[in-house]
Amino acid sequence: QVQLVESGGGLVQAGGSLRLSCAVSGSIFSINTMGWYRQAPGKEREQVATVFRSGSTYYASSVKGRFTISRDNAKNTGYLQMNSLKPEDTAVYYCSVVIGPSNPKNYWGQGTQVTVSS
């Protein structure tokens, strides 16, 4: 079994910063990708950022230039550094990984609340 444990969420004022962590444990053969999603009240879940094993990254246009995704392959841990936070960033943030190399499968964390006050 694969488990994802997230940490780092909380309450912060607009303009502040937070760093989310995602520790992956269990039957890990190879982590193909690590990513972050978020879901705000009344809205559907959206992709925020993804980092591939090679180090290549993807960012949603709404967070480009403010958020930075990274991963420590040796520790099977991913991070999301969030700077210049805005009230519209308020959401539950979920960590997700795709584990392979054969028969790749997606796993999700429990989610962590990020609240940005104005």
C-alpha atoms as a PDB file:
ATOM      1  CA  GLN A   1       0.000   0.000   0.000  1.00  0.00           C
ATOM      2  CA  VAL A   2       1.058   3.556  -0.731  1.00  0.00           C
ATOM      3  CA  GLN A   3       0.390   6.415   1.662  1.00  0.00           C
ATOM      4  CA  LEU A   4       0.790  10.155   1.209  1.00  0.00           C
ATOM      5  CA  VAL A   5       1.122  12.397   4.265  1.00  0.00           C
ATOM      6  CA  GLU A   6       0.797  16.145   3.753  1.00  0.00           C
ATOM      7  CA  SER A   7       1.837  18.946   6.078  1.00  0.00           C
ATOM      8  CA  GLY A   8       2.395  22.692   6.067  1.00  0.00           C
ATOM      9  CA  GLY A   9      -1.112  24.027   5.561  1.00  0.00           C
ATOM     10  CA  GLY A  10      -2.641  26.686   7.745  1.00  0.00           C
ATOM     11  CA  LEU A  11      -3.799  30.279   7.979  1.00  0.00           C
ATOM     12  CA  VAL A  12      -1.750  33.094   6.471  1.00  0.00           C
ATOM     13  CA  GLN A  13      -2.345  36.735   5.562  1.00  0.00           C
ATOM     14  CA  ALA A  14      -2.357  37.923   1.965  1.00  0.00           C
ATOM     15  CA  GLY A  15       1.176  38.376   0.697  1.00  0.00           C
ATOM     16  CA  GLY A  16       2.542  35.707   3.010  1.00  0.00           C
ATOM     17  CA  SER A  17       4.125  32.351   2.255  1.00  0.00           C
ATOM     18  CA  LEU A  18       3.612  28.680   3.062  1.00  0.00           C
ATOM     19  CA  ARG A  19       5.457  25.506   2.132  1.00  0.00           C
ATOM     20  CA  LEU A  20       3.508  22.288   1.745  1.00  0.00           C
ATOM     21  CA  SER A  21       5.220  18.908   2.072  1.00  0.00           C
ATOM     22  CA  CYS A  22       4.124  15.509   0.794  1.00  0.00           C
ATOM     23  CA  ALA A  23       5.864  12.401   2.145  1.00  0.00           C
ATOM     24  CA  VAL A  24       5.248   9.189   0.216  1.00  0.00           C
ATOM     25  CA  SER A  25       5.712   5.768   1.812  1.00  0.00           C
ATOM     26  CA  GLY A  26       4.790   2.142   1.157  1.00  0.00           C
ATOM     27  CA  SER A  27       5.225  -0.049  -1.903  1.00  0.00           C
ATOM     28  CA  ILE A  28       7.116   2.467  -3.997  1.00  0.00           C
ATOM     29  CA  PHE A  29       8.864   1.184  -7.091  1.00  0.00           C
ATOM     30  CA  SER A  30       9.234   4.442  -8.968  1.00  0.00           C
ATOM     31  CA  ILE A  31       7.480   7.789  -8.678  1.00  0.00           C
ATOM     32  CA  ASN A  32       6.835   8.998 -12.195  1.00  0.00           C
ATOM     33  CA  THR A  33       5.256  12.322 -11.306  1.00  0.00           C
ATOM     34  CA  MET A  34       4.321  14.324  -8.215  1.00  0.00           C
ATOM     35  CA  GLY A  35       1.684  17.008  -8.309  1.00  0.00           C
ATOM     36  CA  TRP A  36      -0.540  19.333  -6.345  1.00  0.00           C
ATOM     37  CA  TYR A  37      -4.242  20.000  -6.862  1.00  0.00           C
ATOM     38  CA  ARG A  38      -6.619  22.285  -5.018  1.00  0.00           C
ATOM     39  CA  GLN A  39     -10.354  22.588  -4.531  1.00  0.00           C
ATOM     40  CA  ALA A  40     -12.057  25.757  -3.309  1.00  0.00           C
ATOM     41  CA  PRO A  41     -15.609  25.832  -1.907  1.00  0.00           C
ATOM     42  CA  GLY A  42     -18.157  25.586  -4.702  1.00  0.00           C
ATOM     43  CA  LYS A  43     -15.531  24.948  -7.372  1.00  0.00           C
ATOM     44  CA  GLU A  44     -14.147  21.847  -9.021  1.00  0.00           C
ATOM     45  CA  ARG A  45     -10.689  20.501  -8.306  1.00  0.00           C
ATOM     46  CA  GLU A  46      -7.953  22.083 -10.402  1.00  0.00           C
ATOM     47  CA  GLN A  47      -4.379  21.136 -11.187  1.00  0.00           C
ATOM     48  CA  VAL A  48      -1.894  23.529  -9.587  1.00  0.00           C
ATOM     49  CA  ALA A  49       1.570  22.171 -10.350  1.00  0.00           C
ATOM     50  CA  THR A  50       3.344  18.987 -11.406  1.00  0.00           C
ATOM     51  CA  VAL A  51       6.986  17.940 -11.326  1.00  0.00           C
ATOM     52  CA  PHE A  52       8.336  15.040 -13.336  1.00  0.00           C
ATOM     53  CA  ARG A  53      11.182  12.798 -12.222  1.00  0.00           C
ATOM     54  CA  SER A  54      13.462  14.569 -14.680  1.00  0.00           C
ATOM     55  CA  GLY A  55      12.803  17.857 -12.918  1.00  0.00           C
ATOM     56  CA  SER A  56      10.570  19.341 -15.595  1.00  0.00           C
ATOM     57  CA  THR A  57       7.595  21.221 -14.198  1.00  0.00           C
ATOM     58  CA  TYR A  58       4.114  22.406 -15.069  1.00  0.00           C
ATOM     59  CA  TYR A  59       2.226  25.294 -13.456  1.00  0.00           C
ATOM     60  CA  ALA A  60      -1.304  26.550 -13.772  1.00  0.00           C
ATOM     61  CA  SER A  61      -1.414  30.074 -15.141  1.00  0.00           C
ATOM     62  CA  SER A  62      -3.013  31.335 -11.921  1.00  0.00           C
ATOM     63  CA  VAL A  63       0.048  30.414  -9.827  1.00  0.00           C
ATOM     64  CA  LYS A  64       2.856  30.854 -12.345  1.00  0.00           C
ATOM     65  CA  GLY A  65       5.614  32.994 -10.859  1.00  0.00           C
ATOM     66  CA  ARG A  66       4.314  32.640  -7.293  1.00  0.00           C
ATOM     67  CA  PHE A  67       4.426  28.892  -6.590  1.00  0.00           C
ATOM     68  CA  THR A  68       7.378  26.537  -6.958  1.00  0.00           C
ATOM     69  CA  ILE A  69       7.098  22.746  -7.003  1.00  0.00           C
ATOM     70  CA  SER A  70      10.058  20.505  -6.209  1.00  0.00           C
ATOM     71  CA  ARG A  71      10.846  16.939  -5.199  1.00  0.00           C
ATOM     72  CA  ASP A  72      13.510  15.055  -3.276  1.00  0.00           C
ATOM     73  CA  ASN A  73      13.701  11.698  -5.024  1.00  0.00           C
ATOM     74  CA  ALA A  74      15.923  10.154  -2.335  1.00  0.00           C
ATOM     75  CA  LYS A  75      13.351  10.964   0.363  1.00  0.00           C
ATOM     76  CA  ASN A  76      10.256  10.323  -1.769  1.00  0.00           C
ATOM     77  CA  THR A  77       9.028  13.743  -0.714  1.00  0.00           C
ATOM     78  CA  GLY A  78       7.503  16.581  -2.696  1.00  0.00           C
ATOM     79  CA  TYR A  79       7.118  20.256  -1.857  1.00  0.00           C
ATOM     80  CA  LEU A  80       5.049  23.211  -2.933  1.00  0.00           C
ATOM     81  CA  GLN A  81       6.479  26.605  -2.014  1.00  0.00           C
ATOM     82  CA  MET A  82       3.714  29.211  -2.131  1.00  0.00           C
ATOM     83  CA  ASN A  83       4.681  32.894  -2.104  1.00  0.00           C
ATOM     84  CA  SER A  84       2.671  36.097  -2.508  1.00  0.00           C
ATOM     85  CA  LEU A  85      -0.463  34.274  -1.435  1.00  0.00           C
ATOM     86  CA  LYS A  86      -3.847  35.736  -2.350  1.00  0.00           C
ATOM     87  CA  PRO A  87      -7.300  35.169  -0.833  1.00  0.00           C
ATOM     88  CA  GLU A  88      -8.293  33.341  -4.019  1.00  0.00           C
ATOM     89  CA  ASP A  89      -5.626  30.732  -3.211  1.00  0.00           C
ATOM     90  CA  THR A  90      -7.790  29.567  -0.305  1.00  0.00           C
ATOM     91  CA  ALA A  91      -8.608  25.897  -0.870  1.00  0.00           C
ATOM     92  CA  VAL A  92      -7.955  22.354   0.230  1.00  0.00           C
ATOM     93  CA  TYR A  93      -4.670  21.303  -1.351  1.00  0.00           C
ATOM     94  CA  TYR A  94      -4.107  17.670  -2.331  1.00  0.00           C
ATOM     95  CA  CYS A  95      -0.856  15.896  -3.102  1.00  0.00           C
ATOM     96  CA  SER A  96      -0.885  13.275  -5.838  1.00  0.00           C
ATOM     97  CA  VAL A  97       1.694  10.849  -7.219  1.00  0.00           C
ATOM     98  CA  VAL A  98       1.837   8.444 -10.124  1.00  0.00           C
ATOM     99  CA  ILE A  99       3.811   5.309  -9.324  1.00  0.00           C
ATOM    100  CA  GLY A 100       5.227   2.899 -11.897  1.00  0.00           C
ATOM    101  CA  PRO A 101       7.204   2.113 -13.927  1.00  0.00           C
ATOM    102  CA  SER A 102       4.819  -0.569 -15.217  1.00  0.00           C
ATOM    103  CA  ASN A 103       1.071  -0.297 -14.751  1.00  0.00           C
ATOM    104  CA  PRO A 104       1.263   3.285 -13.448  1.00  0.00           C
ATOM    105  CA  LYS A 105      -1.257   4.090 -10.742  1.00  0.00           C
ATOM    106  CA  ASN A 106      -2.367   7.345  -9.168  1.00  0.00           C
ATOM    107  CA  TYR A 107      -2.489   7.937  -5.392  1.00  0.00           C
ATOM    108  CA  TRP A 108      -3.845  10.868  -3.388  1.00  0.00           C
ATOM    109  CA  GLY A 109      -3.155  12.436  -0.019  1.00  0.00           C
ATOM    110  CA  GLN A 110      -5.775  13.396   2.541  1.00  0.00           C
ATOM    111  CA  GLY A 111      -5.659  17.090   1.722  1.00  0.00           C
ATOM    112  CA  THR A 112      -4.587  20.073   3.794  1.00  0.00           C
ATOM    113  CA  GLN A 113      -6.444  23.349   4.270  1.00  0.00           C
ATOM    114  CA  VAL A 114      -4.817  26.591   3.151  1.00  0.00           C
ATOM    115  CA  THR A 115      -6.635  29.771   4.151  1.00  0.00           C
ATOM    116  CA  VAL A 116      -5.446  33.208   3.028  1.00  0.00           C
ATOM    117  CA  SER A 117      -7.005  36.223   4.734  1.00  0.00           C
ATOM    118  CA  SER A 118      -7.145  39.720   3.255  1.00  0.00           C
END
